[in-house]
N, C-alpha and C. Protein backbone atom coordinates (compact mmCIF):
# COMPACT_ATOMS: atom_id res chain seq x y z
N MET A 1 17.97 -13.70 7.83
CA MET A 1 16.02 -13.68 7.72
C MET A 1 16.61 -15.24 7.38
N ALA A 2 15.10 -15.91 7.48
CA ALA A 2 14.72 -16.80 6.79
C ALA A 2 13.37 -16.96 5.97
N GLY A 3 13.17 -18.32 5.70
CA GLY A 3 12.01 -18.15 4.06
C GLY A 3 10.89 -18.33 4.20
N LYS A 4 10.51 -18.40 6.37
CA LYS A 4 9.03 -18.26 7.34
C LYS A 4 8.40 -17.52 7.18
N LEU A 5 6.93 -17.09 6.67
CA LEU A 5 5.45 -16.81 6.66
C LEU A 5 4.07 -17.37 6.97
N PRO A 6 4.45 -17.12 8.39
CA PRO A 6 3.32 -17.37 8.94
C PRO A 6 2.12 -17.53 8.20
N ALA A 7 1.28 -18.38 8.56
CA ALA A 7 0.08 -18.18 7.47
C ALA A 7 -0.68 -17.52 7.78
N ALA A 8 -0.78 -16.93 8.94
CA ALA A 8 -1.68 -15.86 9.49
C ALA A 8 -1.61 -14.86 8.87
N GLN A 9 -0.13 -14.93 8.32
CA GLN A 9 0.37 -12.73 7.11
C GLN A 9 -0.03 -13.80 6.32
N ARG A 10 0.09 -14.67 5.70
CA ARG A 10 -0.08 -14.87 3.99
C ARG A 10 -1.65 -13.99 3.73
N ALA A 11 -2.24 -14.22 3.72
CA ALA A 11 -3.48 -12.67 3.25
C ALA A 11 -3.02 -11.34 3.10
N SER A 12 -1.96 -11.01 4.09
CA SER A 12 -2.04 -9.28 4.53
C SER A 12 -0.64 -8.83 3.20
N CYS A 13 0.28 -10.30 3.23
CA CYS A 13 1.44 -10.45 2.46
C CYS A 13 0.96 -10.79 0.60
N GLU A 14 0.09 -10.92 0.43
CA GLU A 14 -0.25 -10.86 -0.54
C GLU A 14 -1.34 -9.85 -0.94
N GLU A 15 -2.09 -8.78 -0.32
CA GLU A 15 -2.05 -8.11 -0.07
C GLU A 15 -1.42 -6.54 -0.31
N LEU A 16 -0.54 -7.02 -0.12
CA LEU A 16 0.45 -5.90 0.10
C LEU A 16 1.57 -5.86 -0.95
N LEU A 17 1.57 -6.72 -1.92
CA LEU A 17 1.84 -6.90 -3.35
C LEU A 17 1.49 -6.92 -4.11
N ARG A 18 -0.21 -6.67 -3.96
CA ARG A 18 -0.77 -6.71 -4.78
C ARG A 18 -0.74 -4.68 -5.42
N GLN A 19 0.02 -4.25 -4.37
CA GLN A 19 -0.27 -2.97 -4.96
C GLN A 19 1.25 -2.29 -5.19
N LEU A 20 1.91 -3.97 -5.96
CA LEU A 20 3.83 -3.07 -6.52
C LEU A 20 2.32 -2.54 -7.79
N PRO A 21 3.39 -1.58 -8.53
CA PRO A 21 2.91 -1.67 -10.07
C PRO A 21 2.72 -2.45 -10.91
N GLY A 22 1.40 -2.10 -11.38
CA GLY A 22 1.12 -3.73 -13.07
C GLY A 22 1.06 -5.08 -12.08
N VAL A 23 1.32 -5.13 -10.96
CA VAL A 23 -0.05 -6.59 -10.19
C VAL A 23 -0.98 -6.97 -10.44
N ILE A 24 -1.18 -7.63 -11.24
CA ILE A 24 -2.70 -8.07 -10.82
C ILE A 24 -3.96 -8.75 -9.95
N CYS A 25 -2.78 -9.81 -9.78
CA CYS A 25 -3.24 -10.71 -9.00
C CYS A 25 -1.91 -11.63 -7.92
N VAL A 26 -2.35 -12.01 -6.66
CA VAL A 26 -0.73 -12.79 -6.71
C VAL A 26 -1.32 -13.59 -5.86
N GLN A 27 -1.18 -14.44 -5.76
CA GLN A 27 -0.66 -16.04 -4.67
C GLN A 27 0.63 -16.93 -3.97
N VAL A 28 0.74 -16.92 -2.65
CA VAL A 28 1.66 -17.09 -1.69
C VAL A 28 1.52 -18.90 -1.50
N LEU A 29 2.13 -19.33 -1.98
CA LEU A 29 1.48 -20.80 -1.28
C LEU A 29 3.13 -20.95 -0.32
N LEU A 30 2.43 -21.56 0.87
CA LEU A 30 3.48 -22.58 1.94
C LEU A 30 3.86 -23.31 2.00
N THR A 31 4.93 -24.27 2.82
CA THR A 31 4.61 -25.47 2.90
C THR A 31 4.57 -25.64 4.09
N PRO A 32 4.16 -26.94 4.43
CA PRO A 32 3.30 -27.24 6.18
C PRO A 32 4.67 -26.53 7.12
N GLU A 33 5.67 -26.43 6.59
CA GLU A 33 6.57 -25.51 8.16
C GLU A 33 6.26 -24.11 7.59
N GLU A 34 5.61 -23.37 6.72
CA GLU A 34 5.20 -22.25 6.92
C GLU A 34 6.43 -21.96 6.50
N GLU A 35 7.05 -22.26 5.29
CA GLU A 35 8.13 -21.92 4.31
C GLU A 35 7.61 -21.81 3.31
N ILE A 36 8.38 -20.23 2.68
CA ILE A 36 7.56 -20.07 1.67
C ILE A 36 7.41 -20.35 -0.08
N GLU A 37 7.37 -21.49 -0.39
CA GLU A 37 6.81 -22.46 -1.49
C GLU A 37 7.56 -21.98 -2.90
N THR A 38 6.19 -21.07 -3.01
CA THR A 38 6.16 -20.48 -4.49
C THR A 38 5.23 -18.83 -3.94
N ILE A 39 5.82 -17.77 -4.92
CA ILE A 39 5.07 -16.63 -5.29
C ILE A 39 4.21 -16.41 -6.38
N GLN A 40 3.37 -16.81 -7.04
CA GLN A 40 2.75 -16.60 -8.32
C GLN A 40 1.90 -15.41 -8.54
N LEU A 41 2.32 -14.60 -9.37
CA LEU A 41 2.18 -13.29 -9.62
C LEU A 41 1.34 -13.37 -11.01
N LEU A 42 0.38 -12.61 -11.59
CA LEU A 42 -0.01 -12.34 -12.66
C LEU A 42 -0.07 -10.79 -13.05
N ALA A 43 0.86 -9.98 -14.32
CA ALA A 43 1.06 -8.86 -14.49
C ALA A 43 1.02 -8.20 -15.43
N ALA A 44 1.11 -6.92 -15.78
CA ALA A 44 0.51 -6.67 -16.90
C ALA A 44 2.19 -6.94 -18.00
N SER A 45 1.72 -7.27 -19.42
CA SER A 45 2.50 -7.47 -19.51
C SER A 45 3.66 -5.88 -19.87
N THR A 46 2.70 -4.99 -19.65
CA THR A 46 3.81 -3.60 -19.60
C THR A 46 5.55 -3.64 -18.50
N VAL A 47 5.07 -4.38 -17.69
CA VAL A 47 6.19 -4.53 -16.24
C VAL A 47 7.38 -5.77 -16.92
N ASP A 48 8.42 -4.62 -16.47
CA ASP A 48 9.52 -5.18 -16.39
C ASP A 48 10.01 -6.59 -15.09
N GLN A 49 9.91 -7.92 -15.82
CA GLN A 49 10.17 -8.94 -14.82
C GLN A 49 10.98 -8.87 -13.88
N ALA A 50 12.59 -8.40 -14.39
CA ALA A 50 13.66 -8.38 -13.15
C ALA A 50 13.07 -7.34 -11.98
N ARG A 51 12.46 -6.28 -12.37
CA ARG A 51 12.50 -5.08 -11.58
C ARG A 51 11.22 -5.29 -11.02
N LEU A 52 9.85 -5.96 -11.05
CA LEU A 52 8.81 -6.69 -10.63
C LEU A 52 9.82 -8.15 -9.23
N ARG A 53 10.94 -8.30 -10.04
CA ARG A 53 11.34 -9.94 -8.94
C ARG A 53 11.52 -8.88 -7.52
N GLU A 54 12.79 -7.75 -8.03
CA GLU A 54 13.05 -7.79 -7.46
C GLU A 54 12.59 -6.66 -6.32
N GLU A 55 11.22 -6.56 -6.73
CA GLU A 55 10.03 -5.32 -5.73
C GLU A 55 9.53 -6.12 -4.76
N VAL A 56 9.60 -7.72 -4.89
CA VAL A 56 9.31 -8.46 -4.26
C VAL A 56 9.75 -8.29 -3.59
N ARG A 57 10.81 -9.47 -3.61
CA ARG A 57 11.82 -9.81 -2.89
C ARG A 57 12.48 -8.48 -1.43
N GLU A 58 12.42 -7.25 -2.11
CA GLU A 58 12.14 -6.04 -1.22
C GLU A 58 11.43 -5.53 -0.10
N VAL A 59 9.87 -5.58 -1.01
CA VAL A 59 9.11 -6.01 0.59
C VAL A 59 9.32 -6.84 1.53
N LEU A 60 9.39 -8.30 0.84
CA LEU A 60 9.12 -8.99 2.16
C LEU A 60 10.17 -9.13 2.39
N GLU A 61 11.36 -8.37 2.43
CA GLU A 61 12.45 -8.35 3.69
C GLU A 61 12.62 -7.57 4.64
N ARG A 62 11.54 -6.36 3.51
CA ARG A 62 11.04 -4.95 4.68
C ARG A 62 10.28 -5.23 5.68
N VAL A 63 9.32 -5.61 5.30
CA VAL A 63 8.11 -5.69 6.47
C VAL A 63 7.77 -7.56 6.88
N TYR A 64 8.40 -8.25 5.75
CA TYR A 64 8.28 -9.12 7.32
C TYR A 64 9.49 -10.36 7.17
N SER A 65 10.93 -9.73 7.47
CA SER A 65 11.49 -10.20 7.10
C SER A 65 12.00 -11.49 6.45
N VAL A 66 11.63 -11.37 5.52
CA VAL A 66 11.90 -13.31 4.76
C VAL A 66 12.66 -12.80 3.56
N ALA A 67 13.38 -13.60 3.43
CA ALA A 67 14.14 -13.45 1.82
C ALA A 67 14.00 -14.98 1.08
N VAL A 68 13.48 -14.53 -0.15
CA VAL A 68 13.31 -15.35 -1.09
C VAL A 68 14.05 -15.57 -1.91
N GLU A 69 14.59 -16.89 -2.69
CA GLU A 69 14.68 -17.26 -3.51
C GLU A 69 14.79 -16.29 -4.55
N PRO A 70 15.38 -15.49 -6.09
CA PRO A 70 14.70 -15.34 -6.95
C PRO A 70 13.50 -16.27 -7.71
N GLU A 71 14.22 -17.62 -7.70
CA GLU A 71 13.70 -18.72 -8.67
C GLU A 71 12.32 -19.16 -7.90
N LYS A 72 11.73 -18.84 -6.66
CA LYS A 72 10.58 -19.18 -5.98
C LYS A 72 9.45 -17.79 -6.42
N ILE A 73 9.24 -17.07 -7.16
CA ILE A 73 8.93 -16.39 -8.10
C ILE A 73 8.46 -16.16 -8.96
N ASN A 74 7.23 -16.37 -9.38
CA ASN A 74 7.04 -17.16 -10.95
C ASN A 74 6.16 -16.20 -10.81
N ILE A 75 6.72 -15.38 -12.34
CA ILE A 75 5.77 -13.91 -12.81
C ILE A 75 4.28 -14.74 -13.88
N ASP A 76 3.49 -14.37 -14.24
CA ASP A 76 2.88 -14.76 -15.70
C ASP A 76 2.50 -13.49 -15.71
N PHE A 77 2.69 -13.12 -17.64
CA PHE A 77 1.85 -11.90 -18.08
C PHE A 77 0.37 -11.99 -18.65
N LEU A 78 -0.46 -10.79 -18.56
CA LEU A 78 -1.86 -10.64 -19.37
C LEU A 78 -0.90 -10.22 -20.28
N PRO A 79 -0.72 -10.10 -21.74
CA PRO A 79 -0.49 -9.63 -22.74
C PRO A 79 -2.09 -8.25 -23.22
N VAL A 80 -1.42 -6.87 -23.20
CA VAL A 80 -2.39 -6.15 -23.59
C VAL A 80 -2.13 -5.50 -25.60
N SER A 81 -3.26 -4.98 -25.89
CA SER A 81 -3.02 -4.54 -26.88
C SER A 81 -2.03 -3.71 -26.73
N THR A 82 -2.31 -1.98 -27.84
CA THR A 82 -1.25 -1.24 -27.68
C THR A 82 -1.85 0.07 -27.63
N ALA A 83 -3.54 0.28 -27.17
CA ALA A 83 -4.27 0.76 -26.96
C ALA A 83 -4.26 0.78 -25.32
N GLU A 84 -4.21 -0.92 -24.84
CA GLU A 84 -4.33 -0.57 -23.26
C GLU A 84 -2.79 -0.70 -22.71
N GLU A 85 -2.10 -1.00 -23.19
CA GLU A 85 -0.86 -0.58 -23.26
C GLU A 85 -1.00 0.52 -22.49
N GLY A 86 -1.23 1.66 -23.09
CA GLY A 86 -1.33 2.78 -22.90
C GLY A 86 -2.01 2.79 -21.24
N THR A 87 -3.34 2.08 -21.72
CA THR A 87 -4.62 2.47 -20.25
C THR A 87 -3.31 1.98 -18.88
N SER A 88 -3.01 0.53 -19.73
CA SER A 88 -2.35 -0.19 -18.07
C SER A 88 -1.54 0.85 -17.80
N ALA A 89 -0.74 1.32 -18.53
CA ALA A 89 1.54 2.35 -18.17
C ALA A 89 0.43 3.69 -16.52
N ALA A 90 -0.50 4.31 -18.23
CA ALA A 90 -0.89 5.13 -17.28
C ALA A 90 -1.42 4.85 -15.28
N SER A 91 -2.46 3.14 -15.19
CA SER A 91 -2.58 3.40 -14.29
C SER A 91 -1.76 2.38 -13.48
N ALA A 92 -0.85 1.55 -13.76
CA ALA A 92 0.47 1.40 -12.64
C ALA A 92 1.11 2.73 -12.65
N GLU A 93 1.38 3.98 -13.05
CA GLU A 93 2.10 4.92 -12.69
C GLU A 93 0.66 5.87 -11.48
N ARG A 94 -0.25 5.24 -11.37
CA ARG A 94 -1.03 5.76 -10.17
C ARG A 94 -1.05 4.82 -9.08
N ARG A 95 -0.44 3.97 -8.91
CA ARG A 95 -0.25 2.51 -7.74
C ARG A 95 0.73 3.47 -7.09
N PHE A 96 0.34 3.67 -5.97
CA PHE A 96 1.35 3.95 -4.68
C PHE A 96 2.01 2.68 -3.60
N LEU A 97 3.14 2.65 -3.62
CA LEU A 97 3.93 2.02 -2.36
C LEU A 97 4.43 2.52 -0.89
N LEU A 98 3.91 1.84 0.00
CA LEU A 98 4.56 2.39 1.24
C LEU A 98 6.19 1.98 1.21
N VAL A 99 7.01 2.93 1.46
CA VAL A 99 7.98 2.47 1.48
C VAL A 99 8.33 3.08 2.91
N GLY A 100 8.39 4.09 3.94
CA GLY A 100 8.69 3.99 4.65
C GLY A 100 7.40 4.79 5.94
N LEU A 101 7.72 4.95 6.88
CA LEU A 101 6.76 5.06 7.89
C LEU A 101 7.45 5.88 9.11
N GLN A 102 7.86 7.12 9.63
CA GLN A 102 8.51 7.17 11.00
C GLN A 102 7.59 7.82 11.58
N LEU A 103 7.74 7.32 13.02
CA LEU A 103 7.30 8.73 14.85
C LEU A 103 8.33 9.35 15.26
N ASN A 104 8.38 10.68 15.48
CA ASN A 104 8.97 11.39 16.02
C ASN A 104 8.65 11.79 16.94
N LEU A 105 8.87 11.70 18.12
CA LEU A 105 8.04 11.96 19.38
C LEU A 105 8.97 13.40 20.27
N GLU A 106 8.40 14.94 20.15
CA GLU A 106 8.96 15.65 20.75
C GLU A 106 8.58 16.18 21.96
N SER A 107 8.88 15.76 23.63
CA SER A 107 7.57 16.41 24.57
C SER A 107 6.39 16.30 23.99
N TYR A 108 5.11 16.75 23.91
CA TYR A 108 3.82 16.18 23.93
C TYR A 108 3.63 16.30 22.35
N ARG A 109 3.62 16.37 22.43
CA ARG A 109 3.80 16.63 20.32
C ARG A 109 4.54 15.17 19.61
N MET A 110 3.70 15.09 18.74
CA MET A 110 4.11 13.32 18.15
C MET A 110 4.58 14.32 16.10
N GLU A 111 5.05 13.77 15.75
CA GLU A 111 5.25 14.27 14.36
C GLU A 111 4.95 13.08 12.70
N VAL A 112 5.03 12.67 12.60
CA VAL A 112 4.25 11.26 11.63
C VAL A 112 5.01 11.37 10.41
N GLN A 113 6.28 11.28 9.54
CA GLN A 113 6.66 10.98 8.34
C GLN A 113 6.05 9.76 7.31
N VAL A 114 5.61 9.88 6.37
CA VAL A 114 5.43 8.29 4.86
C VAL A 114 5.88 8.62 3.81
N LYS A 115 6.47 7.74 3.51
CA LYS A 115 7.55 7.49 2.04
C LYS A 115 6.33 6.89 1.93
N ILE A 116 6.70 7.23 -0.07
CA ILE A 116 5.01 6.73 -0.53
C ILE A 116 5.71 7.00 -1.77
N ARG A 117 5.77 5.23 -2.91
CA ARG A 117 6.58 5.51 -3.73
C ARG A 117 5.39 5.45 -4.83
N GLU A 118 5.98 6.08 -6.24
CA GLU A 118 4.25 5.93 -7.36
C GLU A 118 5.74 6.32 -8.40
N GLY A 119 5.44 4.88 -8.67
CA GLY A 119 6.07 4.92 -9.93
C GLY A 119 8.61 4.98 -9.09
N GLU A 120 8.69 5.82 -10.57
CA GLU A 120 10.05 6.66 -9.98
C GLU A 120 9.78 7.59 -8.91
N LYS A 121 9.02 8.40 -8.54
CA LYS A 121 8.76 9.62 -7.68
C LYS A 121 8.33 8.81 -6.61
N LEU A 122 9.03 9.63 -5.53
CA LEU A 122 8.78 9.85 -4.09
C LEU A 122 8.07 10.78 -3.03
N LEU A 123 7.57 10.22 -2.75
CA LEU A 123 6.34 11.30 -2.12
C LEU A 123 6.48 11.21 -0.33
N LEU A 124 6.36 12.62 0.65
CA LEU A 124 6.97 12.31 1.47
C LEU A 124 5.60 13.26 2.05
N GLY A 125 4.44 12.53 2.99
CA GLY A 125 4.14 13.31 3.80
C GLY A 125 4.05 13.68 5.00
N LYS A 126 3.54 14.54 5.66
CA LYS A 126 4.39 14.86 7.69
C LYS A 126 2.63 15.43 7.70
N ALA A 127 2.81 15.04 8.99
CA ALA A 127 1.71 15.52 9.84
C ALA A 127 1.84 15.43 11.42
N SER A 128 1.69 16.31 12.18
CA SER A 128 1.86 16.95 13.26
C SER A 128 0.72 16.82 14.67
N GLY A 129 0.86 16.41 15.95
CA GLY A 129 -0.39 16.83 16.50
C GLY A 129 0.24 16.26 18.47
N PRO A 130 -0.90 16.06 19.38
CA PRO A 130 -0.70 16.02 20.11
C PRO A 130 -0.31 14.71 20.59
N ALA A 131 1.06 14.01 21.09
CA ALA A 131 1.02 12.76 21.39
C ALA A 131 0.65 11.86 22.56
N HIS A 132 -1.03 11.44 21.81
CA HIS A 132 -1.54 10.73 22.92
C HIS A 132 -2.17 9.26 21.76
N GLU A 133 -2.06 8.52 22.82
CA GLU A 133 -2.50 7.42 22.34
C GLU A 133 -3.02 6.88 20.61
N HIS A 134 -4.49 7.62 20.88
CA HIS A 134 -6.20 8.04 19.89
C HIS A 134 -5.39 8.42 18.73
N SER A 135 -4.23 9.29 18.91
CA SER A 135 -4.52 10.66 17.66
C SER A 135 -3.36 10.64 16.83
N ARG A 136 -2.33 9.66 17.27
CA ARG A 136 -1.34 8.35 16.50
C ARG A 136 -1.89 8.13 15.10
N ARG A 137 -2.63 6.93 14.93
CA ARG A 137 -3.75 6.66 13.81
C ARG A 137 -3.95 7.59 12.67
N ARG A 138 -5.16 8.77 13.31
CA ARG A 138 -5.23 9.82 12.28
C ARG A 138 -3.93 10.59 11.92
N LEU A 139 -3.11 10.60 13.19
CA LEU A 139 -1.77 11.97 12.36
C LEU A 139 -1.15 10.33 11.28
N VAL A 140 -1.25 9.68 10.96
CA VAL A 140 -0.21 8.61 10.08
C VAL A 140 -1.45 8.66 9.04
N ALA A 141 -2.34 8.64 9.13
CA ALA A 141 -3.94 8.75 7.98
C ALA A 141 -3.45 9.79 7.02
N GLN A 142 -3.67 11.42 8.30
CA GLN A 142 -3.68 12.32 7.45
C GLN A 142 -2.23 12.43 6.88
N ALA A 143 -1.14 12.10 7.45
CA ALA A 143 0.57 11.92 6.14
C ALA A 143 0.53 12.06 5.13
N THR A 144 -0.47 10.12 5.12
CA THR A 144 -0.43 9.25 3.93
C THR A 144 -0.92 10.67 2.87
N LEU A 145 -2.54 11.36 3.33
CA LEU A 145 -2.89 11.30 2.22
C LEU A 145 -2.39 12.59 2.16
N ALA A 146 -1.47 13.47 2.91
CA ALA A 146 -0.36 14.88 2.56
C ALA A 146 0.88 14.44 1.66
N ALA A 147 1.40 13.19 1.70
CA ALA A 147 1.96 12.62 0.25
C ALA A 147 0.97 12.45 -1.33
N LEU A 148 -0.26 11.66 -0.58
CA LEU A 148 -0.65 11.79 -1.80
C LEU A 148 -1.17 13.21 -2.81
N GLN A 149 -1.39 14.20 -1.52
CA GLN A 149 -1.57 15.35 -2.01
C GLN A 149 -0.64 15.42 -3.73
N GLN A 150 0.41 16.15 -3.35
CA GLN A 150 1.51 15.92 -3.95
C GLN A 150 1.10 15.97 -5.81
N THR A 151 0.80 14.77 -5.26
CA THR A 151 0.05 14.48 -6.52
C THR A 151 -1.27 14.69 -7.68
N LEU A 152 -1.94 15.59 -6.34
CA LEU A 152 -2.61 16.25 -7.50
C LEU A 152 -3.24 17.32 -8.12
N PRO A 153 -4.20 17.32 -9.19
CA PRO A 153 -3.88 19.64 -9.64
C PRO A 153 -4.89 20.29 -8.30
N ALA A 154 -4.27 20.86 -9.00
CA ALA A 154 -4.17 22.08 -7.75
C ALA A 154 -5.92 22.45 -7.17
N GLU A 155 -6.92 21.89 -7.96
CA GLU A 155 -7.97 22.26 -7.53
C GLU A 155 -8.57 21.12 -7.00
N TYR A 156 -7.96 20.03 -6.82
CA TYR A 156 -8.44 18.90 -6.04
C TYR A 156 -7.14 18.81 -4.73
N SER A 157 -7.77 18.01 -3.61
CA SER A 157 -7.46 18.38 -2.17
C SER A 157 -7.91 17.03 -1.91
N LEU A 158 -7.39 16.14 -0.89
CA LEU A 158 -8.07 15.34 -0.32
C LEU A 158 -7.81 15.52 1.65
N LEU A 159 -9.13 14.79 2.12
CA LEU A 159 -8.62 15.01 3.64
C LEU A 159 -9.18 13.39 4.40
N LEU A 160 -8.81 13.57 5.45
CA LEU A 160 -9.72 12.37 6.04
C LEU A 160 -10.92 12.67 6.49
N GLY A 161 -11.62 11.65 5.79
CA GLY A 161 -13.10 11.91 6.98
C GLY A 161 -13.28 11.15 8.25
N ASP A 162 -12.91 9.62 7.83
CA ASP A 162 -13.11 8.96 9.40
C ASP A 162 -12.09 7.63 8.91
N LEU A 163 -11.73 7.43 10.45
CA LEU A 163 -10.67 6.48 10.98
C LEU A 163 -10.89 5.78 11.83
N SER A 164 -11.26 3.93 11.41
CA SER A 164 -11.65 3.16 12.49
C SER A 164 -10.88 1.91 12.55
N SER A 165 -11.08 1.26 13.52
CA SER A 165 -10.66 -0.67 12.78
C SER A 165 -11.62 -1.16 14.17
N VAL A 166 -12.03 -2.36 12.65
CA VAL A 166 -13.09 -3.52 13.42
C VAL A 166 -11.82 -4.63 13.44
N ALA A 167 -13.39 -6.10 14.19
CA ALA A 167 -12.89 -7.04 14.03
C ALA A 167 -13.23 -7.68 12.65
N LEU A 168 -12.72 -8.61 12.22
CA LEU A 168 -13.63 -8.93 10.59
C LEU A 168 -12.89 -10.35 10.75
N GLY A 169 -13.92 -11.87 11.09
CA GLY A 169 -12.91 -12.78 10.96
C GLY A 169 -11.56 -13.22 11.90
N GLY A 170 -11.95 -12.97 13.23
CA GLY A 170 -11.09 -13.33 14.03
C GLY A 170 -9.81 -12.14 13.32
N ARG A 171 -9.36 -11.02 12.85
CA ARG A 171 -8.81 -10.13 12.95
C ARG A 171 -8.66 -8.69 12.26
N LYS A 172 -8.14 -8.28 13.22
CA LYS A 172 -8.16 -6.67 12.67
C LYS A 172 -7.85 -6.13 11.49
N VAL A 173 -9.15 -5.17 11.43
CA VAL A 173 -9.03 -4.10 9.73
C VAL A 173 -8.91 -2.31 10.31
N ALA A 174 -8.18 -2.12 9.48
CA ALA A 174 -8.27 -1.09 9.39
C ALA A 174 -9.52 -0.09 8.28
N LEU A 175 -9.99 0.59 8.65
CA LEU A 175 -11.17 1.45 7.50
C LEU A 175 -11.09 2.55 7.90
N VAL A 176 -10.89 3.03 6.58
CA VAL A 176 -10.40 4.67 6.18
C VAL A 176 -11.53 4.96 4.91
N GLY A 177 -12.17 6.94 5.76
CA GLY A 177 -12.83 7.27 5.05
C GLY A 177 -12.51 8.93 4.81
N ALA A 178 -11.96 8.99 3.08
CA ALA A 178 -11.44 9.59 2.42
C ALA A 178 -11.92 10.80 1.75
N ILE A 179 -11.92 12.18 1.25
CA ILE A 179 -12.75 12.77 1.04
C ILE A 179 -11.91 13.66 -0.03
N LEU A 180 -12.07 12.94 -1.20
CA LEU A 180 -11.91 13.96 -2.50
C LEU A 180 -12.98 15.57 -2.83
N SER A 181 -11.60 16.77 -2.76
CA SER A 181 -13.28 17.82 -2.26
C SER A 181 -12.24 17.96 -3.94
N SER A 182 -13.25 18.97 -5.03
CA SER A 182 -13.21 19.41 -6.13
C SER A 182 -13.85 21.15 -6.27
N PRO A 183 -13.50 21.60 -7.57
CA PRO A 183 -14.64 22.62 -7.37
C PRO A 183 -16.35 22.02 -7.78
N TRP A 184 -16.18 20.50 -8.11
CA TRP A 184 -17.59 19.52 -8.97
C TRP A 184 -17.91 19.03 -7.53
N GLY A 185 -17.57 18.78 -6.49
CA GLY A 185 -18.24 18.43 -5.39
C GLY A 185 -17.66 17.73 -4.60
N GLU A 186 -17.93 16.87 -4.16
CA GLU A 186 -17.12 15.63 -2.93
C GLU A 186 -17.62 14.15 -2.99
N GLU A 187 -16.38 13.36 -2.94
CA GLU A 187 -16.58 12.01 -2.90
C GLU A 187 -16.15 11.64 -1.90
N PHE A 188 -16.30 10.76 -1.56
CA PHE A 188 -15.99 10.17 -0.52
C PHE A 188 -15.99 9.13 -0.82
N LEU A 189 -14.45 8.32 -0.38
CA LEU A 189 -14.11 7.83 -1.03
C LEU A 189 -14.10 6.45 0.43
N VAL A 190 -14.16 5.15 0.29
CA VAL A 190 -13.78 4.06 1.88
C VAL A 190 -11.90 2.87 1.18
N GLY A 191 -11.77 2.32 2.46
CA GLY A 191 -10.70 2.09 1.84
C GLY A 191 -10.64 1.12 2.76
N SER A 192 -9.63 -0.30 2.91
CA SER A 192 -9.88 -0.87 3.46
C SER A 192 -8.12 -1.96 3.93
N ALA A 193 -7.33 -2.36 5.12
CA ALA A 193 -6.74 -3.69 5.17
C ALA A 193 -6.28 -3.58 6.25
N LEU A 194 -6.23 -5.05 6.40
CA LEU A 194 -5.18 -5.82 7.28
C LEU A 194 -4.70 -5.29 8.49
N GLU A 195 -4.63 -5.30 9.49
CA GLU A 195 -3.36 -5.10 10.01
C GLU A 195 -2.48 -5.46 10.61
N GLU A 196 -3.24 -7.27 10.88
CA GLU A 196 -1.61 -8.12 11.78
C GLU A 196 -0.72 -7.75 11.79
N GLY A 197 -1.13 -6.89 13.22
CA GLY A 197 0.47 -6.83 13.98
C GLY A 197 0.82 -5.48 13.99
N ARG A 198 0.49 -4.92 12.41
CA ARG A 198 1.37 -3.76 11.96
C ARG A 198 0.47 -2.46 12.16
N GLU A 199 -0.26 -2.35 13.36
CA GLU A 199 -1.00 -1.37 12.94
C GLU A 199 -1.55 -0.27 12.54
N LEU A 200 -0.02 0.60 12.48
CA LEU A 200 -0.24 2.04 11.70
C LEU A 200 0.38 1.91 10.23
N GLU A 201 1.09 0.81 9.74
CA GLU A 201 1.17 0.75 8.30
C GLU A 201 0.16 0.09 7.82
N GLY A 202 -1.26 -0.73 8.46
CA GLY A 202 -1.86 -0.75 7.72
C GLY A 202 -3.44 0.35 7.89
N VAL A 203 -2.86 1.31 8.38
CA VAL A 203 -3.78 2.73 7.83
C VAL A 203 -3.36 3.19 6.85
N VAL A 204 -2.26 3.30 6.44
CA VAL A 204 -1.05 3.89 6.11
C VAL A 204 -2.10 3.01 4.28
N ARG A 205 -1.84 1.54 4.40
CA ARG A 205 -2.55 0.19 3.40
C ARG A 205 -3.86 0.73 2.54
N ALA A 206 -4.50 1.07 4.00
CA ALA A 206 -5.96 0.85 4.48
C ALA A 206 -6.49 3.09 3.18
N VAL A 207 -5.59 3.89 3.29
CA VAL A 207 -5.56 5.38 2.94
C VAL A 207 -5.90 5.07 1.21
N LEU A 208 -4.11 4.27 0.55
CA LEU A 208 -4.52 3.95 -0.22
C LEU A 208 -5.13 2.60 -1.55
N ASP A 209 -5.83 2.16 -0.28
CA ASP A 209 -6.70 1.11 -1.38
C ASP A 209 -8.16 2.44 -0.89
N ALA A 210 -7.88 3.46 -0.46
CA ALA A 210 -8.71 4.34 -0.45
C ALA A 210 -9.32 5.34 -1.75
N VAL A 211 -7.68 5.60 -1.81
CA VAL A 211 -7.88 6.45 -3.10
C VAL A 211 -6.96 6.15 -4.54
N ASP A 212 -6.13 4.95 -4.50
CA ASP A 212 -5.47 4.55 -5.53
C ASP A 212 -6.17 4.60 -7.31
N ARG A 213 -7.43 3.77 -7.00
CA ARG A 213 -8.02 3.73 -8.12
C ARG A 213 -8.87 5.29 -8.84
N ARG A 214 -8.74 5.62 -7.75
CA ARG A 214 -10.36 7.51 -8.27
C ARG A 214 -8.51 7.74 -8.62
N LEU A 215 -7.82 8.29 -7.64
CA LEU A 215 -6.55 8.86 -8.39
C LEU A 215 -5.97 8.82 -9.99
N GLY A 216 -5.71 7.26 -9.74
CA GLY A 216 -5.61 6.94 -11.48
C GLY A 216 -6.27 7.28 -12.24
N ALA A 217 -7.86 8.29 -12.33
CA ALA A 217 -8.60 8.50 -12.92
C ALA A 217 -8.02 9.90 -13.38
N LEU A 218 -7.59 10.45 -12.43
CA LEU A 218 -7.63 12.01 -12.79
C LEU A 218 -6.32 12.18 -13.60
């Protein structure tokens, strides 16, 4: 694996790294040869620096097949007070990261398995249905919501409202509308993510974008 990242994928890479627990913002700097020069992160002071650096390297290797030397990952920390630290830690625990996506085809049916990490916890969601082309995206979204459902209080439920793909600035963007239902009513949550040649992973990230902050308040 080399240290090259196509410039066209830089935005999606930054978006993915922002999903890591405790990360506030990310900037990926490339050389003219599209090699990663530096990855600059701003994170909450509650985050363990060594662990965050390894998580960044793991994401780059798994998603983009890029190996990055640890010294190229620079981390600055935003100090928080004791009160804010408790809030930041609680919020970080609700940050979700895609770690696995698997599609199994059997006869005319397809089963999708999505693995999401929340802190130290691994969440597995499944969905199955007809194995035709346009149902794949919906099954991936439903499996993602099934994984997230495990983190909710019993009186809450997550459902898929709508799912589409649009062209924006010459790029494909996944749009997801999720419904958070409770005895107090329904909320329609909207999320988006660049697909960048990874259509189904883009769907998962759009679901996470839709629900992440809202679930952190529960």
